[in-house]
């Protein structure tokens, strides 16, 4: 994950850069796996570029007190058939598969569970949760993903929907009352809030797309990498969380 304007963000936010986890920067990645939005693999550290405009940084500067309560995370299967939820936890995530006994795992960083038709499930998130979720497909190439980074005591909640590695189904995230997504399909997502369009690893361009997707194609966001229109990700307003995230399979 590339770091942009670190000094500016540190001055505006007024907090020191943490030794681990997401630094106070305009583009961050708590997992810091690679520059831009890396390819998803079986290694559960995939995250995207967190794009925050200078105006957002200024707005956050006055909200530095830690959250009193953790951000809640709810998963909803709105479809008429059961769905498999595949989860890849970031290596730095405090909440992982060991905290989700309903999730079948081969280790603390990867697990899966079934979500019945029309079922709503509140998942444990009382602690730093860095996770990528995919429905009815592995967290890898060819799937739509919900990327959640919440309750980090050293930063703000950041969430997005990613089609960087591919498209498989429609996901919608309601984040503190704001609706992100859903994608219109594989293409036509240039104006969808809180979503990385297909192959757009830096939000506004297919610079080094993963999964065999050719570089330089159409369909990315307008604007610049540090100020896309509309943003590919959304960031909360309170350090350490304190909001709500609802991820819905449509």
Protein backbone atom coordinates (compact mmCIF):
# COMPACT_ATOMS: atom_id res chain seq x y z
CA UNK A 1 0.00 0.00 0.00
CA UNK A 2 1.46 3.31 -1.03
CA UNK A 3 1.75 6.17 1.41
CA UNK A 4 0.82 9.66 0.15
CA UNK A 5 1.41 13.01 1.78
CA UNK A 6 2.34 11.49 5.13
CA UNK A 7 3.66 14.72 6.60
CA UNK A 8 0.56 16.70 5.54
CA UNK A 9 -1.79 14.15 7.05
CA UNK A 10 0.14 13.96 10.29
CA UNK A 11 -0.03 17.73 10.72
CA UNK A 12 -3.71 17.97 9.84
CA UNK A 13 -4.91 14.98 11.86
CA UNK A 14 -2.70 15.85 14.80
CA UNK A 15 -1.77 12.31 15.79
CA UNK A 16 1.50 10.37 15.57
CA UNK A 17 2.02 7.72 12.96
CA UNK A 18 1.51 4.31 14.59
CA UNK A 19 4.29 1.77 14.55
CA UNK A 20 1.88 -0.81 13.09
CA UNK A 21 -1.52 -0.68 11.44
CA UNK A 22 -2.60 2.15 9.15
CA UNK A 23 -0.55 5.36 9.37
CA UNK A 24 -2.12 8.79 9.29
CA UNK A 25 -1.94 9.28 5.55
CA UNK A 26 -4.17 10.07 2.62
CA UNK A 27 -3.79 6.59 1.14
CA UNK A 28 -3.33 3.79 3.62
CA UNK A 29 -3.43 0.03 3.87
CA UNK A 30 -3.33 -1.59 7.31
CA UNK A 31 -1.98 -4.78 5.81
CA UNK A 32 0.57 -2.92 3.62
CA UNK A 33 0.90 -5.89 1.31
CA UNK A 34 1.84 -4.05 -1.87
CA UNK A 35 1.63 -0.77 -3.70
CA UNK A 36 -1.84 0.16 -4.98
CA UNK A 37 -4.60 -2.45 -4.70
CA UNK A 38 -2.91 -5.87 -4.70
CA UNK A 39 -4.23 -9.08 -6.14
CA UNK A 40 -6.27 -11.22 -3.79
CA UNK A 41 -4.69 -14.55 -2.95
CA UNK A 42 -5.15 -17.18 -0.34
CA UNK A 43 -2.92 -15.08 1.90
CA UNK A 44 -5.46 -13.00 3.85
CA UNK A 45 -3.76 -9.61 3.72
CA UNK A 46 -5.43 -8.14 0.65
CA UNK A 47 -6.59 -4.58 0.98
CA UNK A 48 -7.16 -1.63 -1.32
CA UNK A 49 -5.86 1.91 -1.49
CA UNK A 50 -7.70 4.02 1.05
CA UNK A 51 -8.48 7.23 -0.77
CA UNK A 52 -9.20 10.22 1.44
CA UNK A 53 -9.49 13.71 0.01
CA UNK A 54 -7.68 16.66 1.68
CA UNK A 55 -11.11 18.00 2.67
CA UNK A 56 -11.86 14.76 4.50
CA UNK A 57 -8.55 14.98 6.36
CA UNK A 58 -9.42 18.50 7.50
CA UNK A 59 -12.83 17.36 8.70
CA UNK A 60 -11.27 14.53 10.69
CA UNK A 61 -8.73 16.79 12.37
CA UNK A 62 -11.30 17.92 14.91
CA UNK A 63 -12.44 14.37 15.76
CA UNK A 64 -9.47 12.64 17.36
CA UNK A 65 -11.03 11.21 20.54
CA UNK A 66 -11.28 7.40 20.54
CA UNK A 67 -14.70 5.82 20.09
CA UNK A 68 -16.56 4.87 23.24
CA UNK A 69 -18.11 1.74 21.71
CA UNK A 70 -16.86 -0.53 18.92
CA UNK A 71 -18.25 -0.53 15.40
CA UNK A 72 -20.81 -3.28 14.88
CA UNK A 73 -20.66 -5.53 11.82
CA UNK A 74 -23.79 -7.21 10.44
CA UNK A 75 -24.00 -9.58 7.48
CA UNK A 76 -27.26 -10.05 5.58
CA UNK A 77 -28.19 -12.56 2.89
CA UNK A 78 -31.14 -10.94 1.14
CA UNK A 79 -31.39 -13.71 -1.46
CA UNK A 80 -33.72 -16.69 -1.41
CA UNK A 81 -30.95 -19.30 -1.20
CA UNK A 82 -28.21 -20.03 1.31
CA UNK A 83 -24.85 -18.40 0.70
CA UNK A 84 -21.32 -19.29 1.73
CA UNK A 85 -19.37 -16.44 3.30
CA UNK A 86 -15.62 -16.76 2.77
CA UNK A 87 -13.45 -14.62 5.04
CA UNK A 88 -9.77 -13.69 4.85
CA UNK A 89 -8.48 -11.87 7.93
CA UNK A 90 -5.52 -9.54 7.72
CA UNK A 91 -2.42 -10.72 9.54
CA UNK A 92 -2.71 -7.73 11.89
CA UNK A 93 -6.40 -8.31 12.71
CA UNK A 94 -7.04 -8.79 16.41
CA UNK A 95 -10.44 -10.31 15.66
CA UNK A 96 -9.93 -13.40 13.52
CA UNK A 97 -11.33 -16.88 12.98
CA UNK A 98 -10.61 -17.88 16.57
CA UNK A 99 -13.23 -15.29 17.66
CA UNK A 100 -15.81 -16.65 15.19
CA UNK A 101 -16.63 -20.21 16.39
CA UNK A 102 -19.35 -20.52 13.72
CA UNK A 103 -16.70 -20.10 11.00
CA UNK A 104 -14.94 -23.27 9.81
CA UNK A 105 -11.24 -22.60 9.46
CA UNK A 106 -7.92 -24.25 8.69
CA UNK A 107 -6.11 -21.53 10.63
CA UNK A 108 -6.78 -18.18 12.32
CA UNK A 109 -6.74 -16.13 9.10
CA UNK A 110 -9.11 -17.97 6.74
CA UNK A 111 -12.58 -19.37 7.39
CA UNK A 112 -16.03 -19.84 5.87
CA UNK A 113 -19.59 -20.28 7.06
CA UNK A 114 -23.10 -20.55 5.67
CA UNK A 115 -25.64 -17.74 5.78
CA UNK A 116 -29.17 -19.03 5.27
CA UNK A 117 -31.63 -17.42 2.90
CA UNK A 118 -32.84 -14.10 4.33
CA UNK A 119 -30.59 -14.57 7.39
CA UNK A 120 -29.06 -11.66 9.30
CA UNK A 121 -25.97 -12.31 11.41
CA UNK A 122 -24.09 -9.95 13.71
CA UNK A 123 -20.45 -11.08 13.75
CA UNK A 124 -17.99 -10.42 16.61
CA UNK A 125 -16.12 -7.17 16.03
CA UNK A 126 -15.22 -6.04 19.55
CA UNK A 127 -11.61 -5.33 18.67
CA UNK A 128 -9.59 -4.43 15.60
CA UNK A 129 -11.12 -6.26 12.61
CA UNK A 130 -9.29 -6.29 9.27
CA UNK A 131 -11.13 -8.66 6.96
CA UNK A 132 -12.10 -9.26 3.35
CA UNK A 133 -15.36 -11.09 2.64
CA UNK A 134 -16.63 -12.80 -0.50
CA UNK A 135 -19.96 -14.57 -1.00
CA UNK A 136 -20.13 -17.91 -2.81
CA UNK A 137 -16.53 -17.75 -3.94
CA UNK A 138 -13.02 -17.67 -2.57
CA UNK A 139 -11.39 -14.41 -1.58
CA UNK A 140 -9.39 -14.31 -4.78
CA UNK A 141 -9.64 -13.65 -8.50
CA UNK A 142 -13.10 -13.42 -9.98
CA UNK A 143 -15.07 -12.42 -6.90
CA UNK A 144 -16.74 -9.28 -5.58
CA UNK A 145 -15.37 -8.41 -2.14
CA UNK A 146 -16.36 -6.41 0.90
CA UNK A 147 -13.25 -4.99 2.57
CA UNK A 148 -13.61 -3.98 6.21
CA UNK A 149 -11.09 -2.30 8.46
CA UNK A 150 -12.83 -1.29 11.68
CA UNK A 151 -12.12 -0.64 15.36
CA UNK A 152 -8.44 0.04 14.86
CA UNK A 153 -7.51 2.15 17.92
CA UNK A 154 -4.85 3.92 15.86
CA UNK A 155 -7.06 4.97 12.92
CA UNK A 156 -10.58 5.43 11.58
CA UNK A 157 -12.95 2.84 10.14
CA UNK A 158 -12.43 2.28 6.40
CA UNK A 159 -14.70 0.14 4.20
CA UNK A 160 -15.22 -0.49 0.50
CA UNK A 161 -16.58 -2.84 -2.14
CA UNK A 162 -13.91 -4.13 -4.50
CA UNK A 163 -14.18 -5.37 -8.06
CA UNK A 164 -10.43 -5.02 -8.54
CA UNK A 165 -9.94 -8.79 -8.76
CA UNK A 166 -13.19 -9.45 -10.61
CA UNK A 167 -16.99 -9.48 -10.33
CA UNK A 168 -19.20 -12.32 -9.12
CA UNK A 169 -22.27 -10.84 -7.41
CA UNK A 170 -23.79 -7.66 -6.03
CA UNK A 171 -22.83 -6.50 -2.53
CA UNK A 172 -24.09 -3.40 -0.76
CA UNK A 173 -22.57 -1.88 2.37
CA UNK A 174 -24.41 0.55 4.62
CA UNK A 175 -21.74 2.39 6.59
CA UNK A 176 -22.97 4.75 9.31
CA UNK A 177 -26.12 5.37 7.26
CA UNK A 178 -24.34 5.89 3.93
CA UNK A 179 -24.97 3.30 1.20
CA UNK A 180 -21.91 2.07 -0.72
CA UNK A 181 -22.54 0.22 -3.95
CA UNK A 182 -24.00 -2.01 -5.11
CA UNK A 183 -22.15 -2.58 -8.38
CA UNK A 184 -24.25 -2.33 -11.53
CA UNK A 185 -22.51 -5.44 -12.77
CA UNK A 186 -18.96 -6.03 -13.97
CA UNK A 187 -18.96 -2.68 -15.77
CA UNK A 188 -20.69 0.69 -15.46
CA UNK A 189 -19.49 1.52 -11.96
CA UNK A 190 -17.66 4.78 -12.60
CA UNK A 191 -20.13 6.75 -10.48
CA UNK A 192 -20.85 4.23 -7.72
CA UNK A 193 -19.81 5.49 -4.28
CA UNK A 194 -17.49 3.38 -2.14
CA UNK A 195 -16.61 0.91 -4.87
CA UNK A 196 -13.44 0.04 -6.75
CA UNK A 197 -14.47 -0.60 -10.37
CA UNK A 198 -13.31 -3.67 -12.28
CA UNK A 199 -9.52 -3.89 -12.33
CA UNK A 200 -9.09 -0.30 -11.09
CA UNK A 201 -6.27 -0.94 -8.64
CA UNK A 202 -5.68 2.77 -8.00
CA UNK A 203 -9.37 3.74 -8.20
CA UNK A 204 -8.97 6.10 -11.17
CA UNK A 205 -6.98 3.75 -13.41
CA UNK A 206 -6.10 0.17 -14.18
CA UNK A 207 -2.44 0.74 -13.46
CA UNK A 208 -1.22 -2.74 -12.49
CA UNK A 209 -4.43 -4.77 -12.28
CA UNK A 210 -4.28 -8.29 -10.85
CA UNK A 211 -5.78 -11.56 -12.03
CA UNK A 212 -4.70 -11.17 -15.66
CA UNK A 213 -6.82 -8.06 -16.21
CA UNK A 214 -5.21 -5.85 -18.90
CA UNK A 215 -3.90 -2.45 -17.82
CA UNK A 216 -5.24 0.82 -19.16
CA UNK A 217 -8.85 -0.19 -19.73
CA UNK A 218 -11.95 1.98 -19.24
CA UNK A 219 -14.42 2.13 -16.39
CA UNK A 220 -12.45 3.67 -13.51
CA UNK A 221 -13.36 6.72 -11.43
CA UNK A 222 -12.86 10.31 -12.55
CA UNK A 223 -10.46 12.66 -10.77
CA UNK A 224 -7.04 11.85 -9.39
CA UNK A 225 -5.75 8.97 -7.32
CA UNK A 226 -5.77 11.11 -4.17
CA UNK A 227 -9.12 12.73 -4.98
CA UNK A 228 -11.32 10.38 -7.02
CA UNK A 229 -14.90 11.26 -7.95
CA UNK A 230 -16.73 9.63 -6.28
CA UNK A 231 -14.41 7.99 -3.73
CA UNK A 232 -13.70 4.27 -3.94
CA UNK A 233 -13.70 3.92 -0.15
CA UNK A 234 -15.37 5.56 2.82
CA UNK A 235 -13.73 6.53 6.09
CA UNK A 236 -15.41 7.05 9.43
CA UNK A 237 -15.22 10.23 11.48
CA UNK A 238 -14.20 8.84 14.87
CA UNK A 239 -10.81 7.44 15.79
CA UNK A 240 -11.08 3.79 16.78
CA UNK A 241 -14.51 3.08 15.30
CA UNK A 242 -17.85 3.57 17.00
CA UNK A 243 -20.21 3.17 14.06
CA UNK A 244 -22.06 0.46 12.18
CA UNK A 245 -21.38 -1.61 9.07
CA UNK A 246 -23.98 -3.74 7.32
CA UNK A 247 -22.85 -5.92 4.42
CA UNK A 248 -25.65 -7.29 2.24
CA UNK A 249 -25.59 -9.90 -0.50
CA UNK A 250 -28.25 -8.76 -2.97
